[in-house]
Amino acid sequence: MIEKELDTQFQEAVTSASRMTQASLPQDVQLRLYACYKQATFSALEPRQTTTYHLRDAFKTNAWMQISHLTADEAKEQYIEIINSLLNK
C-alpha cells in the first residue's frame, strides 16, 4: 500500500472513529484502537507514572505495550481494519 494512500485511509478511519460513542464499543476494542492510534502516531511508548496514575492508564499503557513491536504503518493498517469491521456490522 502506498504510504500517502495509507495515511489518507488512516485519517478517514480516525474521522469515522470520532463519530462513534464509547458506549457503542466494547472496552477491549476501545483499548485496541487506542493502542493502534498511539503506535501509529507516536511509535514510541514512554510510560510515565505520576501521582495521578489511574488504573485506566495502566490498561491503556498495557494495550500499547502489547503492540509496541508493530511499525507505525502496521498499526495504521490494524486501526483501519478494526474501524472497517465495526462499520460493516
N, C-alpha and C. Protein backbone atom coordinates (compact mmCIF):
# COMPACT_ATOMS: atom_id res chain seq x y z
N MET A 1 0.84 -1.18 0.00
CA MET A 1 0.00 0.00 0.00
C MET A 1 0.89 1.24 0.00
N ILE A 2 0.55 2.19 -0.82
CA ILE A 2 1.31 3.44 -0.91
C ILE A 2 1.12 4.23 0.39
N GLU A 3 2.23 4.83 0.88
CA GLU A 3 2.19 5.50 2.18
C GLU A 3 1.14 6.60 2.23
N LYS A 4 1.05 7.43 1.19
CA LYS A 4 0.07 8.51 1.19
C LYS A 4 -1.34 7.94 1.23
N GLU A 5 -1.57 6.88 0.49
CA GLU A 5 -2.87 6.22 0.49
C GLU A 5 -3.19 5.67 1.88
N LEU A 6 -2.20 5.07 2.52
CA LEU A 6 -2.38 4.54 3.87
C LEU A 6 -2.71 5.68 4.83
N ASP A 7 -1.98 6.78 4.75
CA ASP A 7 -2.24 7.93 5.63
C ASP A 7 -3.65 8.48 5.42
N THR A 8 -4.10 8.53 4.18
CA THR A 8 -5.45 9.01 3.88
C THR A 8 -6.49 8.07 4.46
N GLN A 9 -6.30 6.78 4.27
CA GLN A 9 -7.23 5.80 4.83
C GLN A 9 -7.24 5.86 6.36
N PHE A 10 -6.06 6.06 6.94
CA PHE A 10 -5.97 6.14 8.40
C PHE A 10 -6.74 7.36 8.91
N GLN A 11 -6.56 8.50 8.27
CA GLN A 11 -7.27 9.71 8.69
C GLN A 11 -8.78 9.54 8.53
N GLU A 12 -9.21 8.88 7.48
CA GLU A 12 -10.64 8.60 7.30
C GLU A 12 -11.16 7.69 8.41
N ALA A 13 -10.36 6.71 8.79
CA ALA A 13 -10.75 5.80 9.88
C ALA A 13 -10.83 6.55 11.21
N VAL A 14 -9.88 7.44 11.45
CA VAL A 14 -9.89 8.25 12.68
C VAL A 14 -11.14 9.12 12.71
N THR A 15 -11.49 9.70 11.58
CA THR A 15 -12.70 10.53 11.50
C THR A 15 -13.94 9.68 11.79
N SER A 16 -14.00 8.49 11.22
CA SER A 16 -15.13 7.59 11.48
C SER A 16 -15.18 7.20 12.95
N ALA A 17 -14.04 6.92 13.54
CA ALA A 17 -13.98 6.53 14.95
C ALA A 17 -14.45 7.66 15.86
N SER A 18 -14.14 8.89 15.47
CA SER A 18 -14.53 10.03 16.31
C SER A 18 -16.05 10.21 16.35
N ARG A 19 -16.75 9.64 15.39
CA ARG A 19 -18.22 9.71 15.36
C ARG A 19 -18.86 8.61 16.20
N MET A 20 -18.07 7.63 16.62
CA MET A 20 -18.61 6.52 17.41
C MET A 20 -18.61 6.92 18.89
N THR A 21 -19.57 6.38 19.61
CA THR A 21 -19.62 6.65 21.05
C THR A 21 -18.87 5.55 21.79
N GLN A 22 -18.32 5.90 22.92
CA GLN A 22 -17.62 4.90 23.72
C GLN A 22 -18.58 3.80 24.16
N ALA A 23 -19.82 4.18 24.43
CA ALA A 23 -20.79 3.20 24.90
C ALA A 23 -21.09 2.15 23.83
N SER A 24 -20.86 2.49 22.56
CA SER A 24 -21.16 1.55 21.48
C SER A 24 -20.03 0.56 21.22
N LEU A 25 -18.89 0.77 21.86
CA LEU A 25 -17.73 -0.10 21.63
C LEU A 25 -17.35 -0.85 22.90
N PRO A 26 -17.08 -2.16 22.78
CA PRO A 26 -16.57 -2.89 23.94
C PRO A 26 -15.23 -2.30 24.38
N GLN A 27 -14.95 -2.42 25.67
CA GLN A 27 -13.72 -1.82 26.19
C GLN A 27 -12.46 -2.40 25.58
N ASP A 28 -12.47 -3.69 25.25
CA ASP A 28 -11.28 -4.28 24.63
C ASP A 28 -11.03 -3.68 23.25
N VAL A 29 -12.10 -3.36 22.53
CA VAL A 29 -11.95 -2.73 21.22
C VAL A 29 -11.45 -1.29 21.38
N GLN A 30 -11.98 -0.58 22.38
CA GLN A 30 -11.50 0.78 22.65
C GLN A 30 -10.01 0.79 22.96
N LEU A 31 -9.57 -0.17 23.77
CA LEU A 31 -8.15 -0.24 24.12
C LEU A 31 -7.29 -0.57 22.90
N ARG A 32 -7.77 -1.46 22.06
CA ARG A 32 -7.02 -1.83 20.86
C ARG A 32 -6.90 -0.63 19.91
N LEU A 33 -8.00 0.10 19.75
CA LEU A 33 -7.97 1.30 18.90
C LEU A 33 -7.02 2.34 19.48
N TYR A 34 -7.07 2.52 20.80
CA TYR A 34 -6.17 3.47 21.46
C TYR A 34 -4.71 3.09 21.19
N ALA A 35 -4.40 1.82 21.40
CA ALA A 35 -3.03 1.36 21.24
C ALA A 35 -2.55 1.53 19.79
N CYS A 36 -3.40 1.15 18.85
CA CYS A 36 -3.02 1.29 17.44
C CYS A 36 -2.84 2.75 17.07
N TYR A 37 -3.72 3.60 17.56
CA TYR A 37 -3.61 5.03 17.25
C TYR A 37 -2.29 5.59 17.80
N LYS A 38 -2.00 5.26 19.05
CA LYS A 38 -0.77 5.77 19.67
C LYS A 38 0.46 5.24 18.95
N GLN A 39 0.46 3.96 18.62
CA GLN A 39 1.62 3.38 17.93
C GLN A 39 1.77 4.00 16.54
N ALA A 40 0.65 4.26 15.89
CA ALA A 40 0.69 4.84 14.54
C ALA A 40 1.16 6.29 14.55
N THR A 41 0.83 7.01 15.60
CA THR A 41 1.13 8.45 15.62
C THR A 41 2.37 8.81 16.42
N PHE A 42 2.73 8.00 17.41
CA PHE A 42 3.90 8.30 18.24
C PHE A 42 5.03 7.30 18.06
N SER A 43 4.71 6.05 17.79
CA SER A 43 5.65 4.95 17.54
C SER A 43 6.52 4.54 18.72
N ALA A 44 6.64 5.37 19.72
CA ALA A 44 7.48 5.01 20.86
C ALA A 44 6.70 5.16 22.16
N LEU A 45 6.65 4.09 22.91
CA LEU A 45 5.95 4.10 24.18
C LEU A 45 6.87 4.65 25.26
N GLU A 46 6.41 5.67 25.95
CA GLU A 46 7.16 6.24 27.06
C GLU A 46 6.26 6.26 28.29
N PRO A 47 6.19 5.12 28.99
CA PRO A 47 5.31 5.08 30.15
C PRO A 47 5.76 6.05 31.24
N ARG A 48 4.80 6.77 31.75
CA ARG A 48 5.08 7.72 32.83
C ARG A 48 4.17 7.38 34.00
N GLN A 49 4.71 7.31 35.15
CA GLN A 49 3.90 7.06 36.33
C GLN A 49 3.98 8.29 37.21
N THR A 50 2.82 8.87 37.44
CA THR A 50 2.75 10.06 38.27
C THR A 50 1.86 9.76 39.46
N THR A 51 1.70 10.74 40.31
CA THR A 51 0.85 10.55 41.49
C THR A 51 -0.62 10.43 41.10
N THR A 52 -0.97 10.84 39.89
CA THR A 52 -2.36 10.74 39.45
C THR A 52 -2.56 9.58 38.48
N TYR A 53 -1.67 8.61 38.51
CA TYR A 53 -1.74 7.45 37.62
C TYR A 53 -2.92 6.59 38.05
N HIS A 54 -3.85 6.34 37.15
CA HIS A 54 -5.06 5.59 37.45
C HIS A 54 -5.02 4.22 36.81
N LEU A 55 -5.88 3.35 37.30
CA LEU A 55 -5.96 2.00 36.75
C LEU A 55 -6.26 2.04 35.26
N ARG A 56 -7.11 2.97 34.83
CA ARG A 56 -7.44 3.11 33.41
C ARG A 56 -6.15 3.37 32.61
N ASP A 57 -5.26 4.20 33.14
CA ASP A 57 -4.00 4.49 32.45
C ASP A 57 -3.14 3.23 32.34
N ALA A 58 -3.19 2.38 33.34
CA ALA A 58 -2.42 1.14 33.31
C ALA A 58 -2.94 0.22 32.19
N PHE A 59 -4.24 0.15 32.03
CA PHE A 59 -4.81 -0.66 30.95
C PHE A 59 -4.42 -0.10 29.58
N LYS A 60 -4.45 1.21 29.45
CA LYS A 60 -4.09 1.84 28.19
C LYS A 60 -2.61 1.60 27.87
N THR A 61 -1.75 1.76 28.87
CA THR A 61 -0.33 1.52 28.68
C THR A 61 -0.06 0.07 28.31
N ASN A 62 -0.75 -0.85 28.99
CA ASN A 62 -0.58 -2.27 28.70
C ASN A 62 -1.00 -2.60 27.27
N ALA A 63 -2.12 -2.03 26.83
CA ALA A 63 -2.58 -2.28 25.46
C ALA A 63 -1.54 -1.79 24.45
N TRP A 64 -0.97 -0.65 24.73
CA TRP A 64 0.04 -0.08 23.82
C TRP A 64 1.30 -0.95 23.83
N MET A 65 1.70 -1.40 25.02
CA MET A 65 2.91 -2.24 25.12
C MET A 65 2.74 -3.53 24.32
N GLN A 66 1.53 -4.06 24.29
CA GLN A 66 1.28 -5.32 23.58
C GLN A 66 1.50 -5.21 22.08
N ILE A 67 1.38 -4.01 21.53
CA ILE A 67 1.58 -3.86 20.08
C ILE A 67 2.80 -2.99 19.77
N SER A 68 3.62 -2.73 20.74
CA SER A 68 4.77 -1.83 20.54
C SER A 68 5.78 -2.38 19.53
N HIS A 69 5.68 -3.65 19.19
CA HIS A 69 6.58 -4.24 18.18
C HIS A 69 6.16 -3.89 16.76
N LEU A 70 4.95 -3.36 16.58
CA LEU A 70 4.47 -3.00 15.25
C LEU A 70 5.09 -1.70 14.76
N THR A 71 5.25 -1.60 13.45
CA THR A 71 5.67 -0.32 12.88
C THR A 71 4.46 0.61 12.86
N ALA A 72 4.71 1.87 12.62
CA ALA A 72 3.61 2.84 12.53
C ALA A 72 2.63 2.45 11.43
N ASP A 73 3.15 2.01 10.29
CA ASP A 73 2.29 1.61 9.18
C ASP A 73 1.46 0.38 9.53
N GLU A 74 2.06 -0.59 10.21
CA GLU A 74 1.31 -1.78 10.62
C GLU A 74 0.19 -1.40 11.60
N ALA A 75 0.48 -0.48 12.50
CA ALA A 75 -0.53 -0.03 13.46
C ALA A 75 -1.66 0.70 12.74
N LYS A 76 -1.32 1.51 11.74
CA LYS A 76 -2.35 2.19 10.95
C LYS A 76 -3.24 1.17 10.24
N GLU A 77 -2.62 0.15 9.67
CA GLU A 77 -3.38 -0.89 8.96
C GLU A 77 -4.33 -1.62 9.91
N GLN A 78 -3.86 -1.93 11.11
CA GLN A 78 -4.72 -2.60 12.09
C GLN A 78 -5.87 -1.68 12.51
N TYR A 79 -5.58 -0.41 12.73
CA TYR A 79 -6.61 0.56 13.11
C TYR A 79 -7.69 0.61 12.02
N ILE A 80 -7.26 0.72 10.79
CA ILE A 80 -8.19 0.77 9.65
C ILE A 80 -9.05 -0.50 9.60
N GLU A 81 -8.42 -1.66 9.78
CA GLU A 81 -9.15 -2.93 9.76
C GLU A 81 -10.20 -2.99 10.85
N ILE A 82 -9.86 -2.54 12.05
CA ILE A 82 -10.81 -2.56 13.16
C ILE A 82 -12.01 -1.65 12.86
N ILE A 83 -11.73 -0.44 12.42
CA ILE A 83 -12.80 0.51 12.11
C ILE A 83 -13.68 -0.03 10.99
N ASN A 84 -13.06 -0.54 9.94
CA ASN A 84 -13.84 -1.09 8.82
C ASN A 84 -14.73 -2.26 9.27
N SER A 85 -14.21 -3.11 10.14
CA SER A 85 -15.02 -4.23 10.62
C SER A 85 -16.18 -3.74 11.47
N LEU A 86 -15.98 -2.67 12.23
CA LEU A 86 -17.07 -2.11 13.03
C LEU A 86 -18.13 -1.46 12.16
N LEU A 87 -17.69 -0.78 11.10
CA LEU A 87 -18.62 -0.10 10.20
C LEU A 87 -19.43 -1.09 9.36
N ASN A 88 -18.87 -2.26 9.12
CA ASN A 88 -19.54 -3.27 8.29
C ASN A 88 -20.47 -4.18 9.07
N LYS A 89 -20.60 -3.95 10.36
CA LYS A 89 -21.50 -4.78 11.18
C LYS A 89 -22.93 -4.36 10.99
